[in-house]
Amino acid sequence: MILVLSSLTLVACSNENSQPDEPKAKKVAVESQGHDYNYDVVTSATTTTFGTHPEAKYTKEEKEARMFWSVQSPTGLIKGHYYKNESEFDGGNRGILELVTDDDGKLIHVEFNEMASANYYEPKYANASKRLSDYAFFQASNTRTDDTLVTWVNGITFLEGQMLAENRLDGNFETVKGSSTSARNGMMPLAAEMKDWVKKPFGFYYYGIAEPLGNGLTARLQVVTEDGKLVSVKYDEIFADQKQEITDPNLQAFYRQSKYFSLDYGKETANSFVKFADGIEKQVLKTQDLLDVPEQDTESFRNYEKLAQKIHVEMGK
């Protein structure tokens, strides 16, 4: 079963609030992971407000109620030919674009990640994932997002959805006004470089599976092979987009983050999950067997083993 990240529907064609020096925007309604968004979108870069701190328009509670973004991966199984491209842009931020296609070359999965630069102006986020840490909350807390009500995640998932829906990697795309820098300077150039790559298999194959655990967490395992050899095994557990969906009150603070990339969760747990996931990958790459891993009496190990068994079956087909 293949699931896409989002679907896009136009609902209007103007924005009376556009600034004179800004490209003319239009409203787009987006449905993603069961939540409706309304974005101002443009077809070129927008003027950045980086470094500004205008007067607040909302209280913290009001703004939290107005803003939403999703960090959830598609649930179910995705498998196909795998492609990866990465590069630094805008002062050392590292963009990483991963694509999966079916046997006919059609895009079935598009995922962009960005690691903040080593000298990022807010030291907490140096080398951190902008997608799966609390980086988007950091953006949301700044009053410069009071007008747009969007974060890095909104801009990227919107572009991912377009690429999937239109099955293309180059040419111009609409981007979310107020959250277009990484999309245009990071993701789009990487995608354009890959437009000819996806016309033929490179020998890399992807198996990805994500399943809700029923407690406000989703387990995700991503496996990549090169000519049949295991070369990447990434396991993570992603917290729900709404804190009330997380059954353990002690974990609700980490909503819209993942165990592997959450800076605060890592600090609170002495990076135990990172050590666990890295240990799994090291062992599997050594044995070349997803199931040849020393048993551990932990919930995360049992979650990993369940997904690994399913991918093991798929790899044997």
Foldseek 3Di string as FASTA:
>chain_A
DFDAFWAKDFDWQFDPPDDPPFATWGWIWIAGPRDIDIFTKHFDAGDAPPPDFDDAPDDPVVLVVVAAFALDDDADKDKAFKDKDWDAWDPAKIKIWIFGAHPQLFTRFIDIWIQADQPPVPNLRHRAICQFACVQVVVSVGRVCVVRSDGLRVFVSVVSNVCNVVRAQADIDMTGPNRCCCVVTPRNVRSVVCRVVSNDGPQKMKIKHWADPQQQKIWIWIWMAGVLFTDDIAIWIAGARQLVSHNDVVCSVSHSHICQRYSVNCVVVVNPVVVVRVQLGVVCNVVVQNQPDDDDPDPSSVVSNVVSVVVNVVSVD
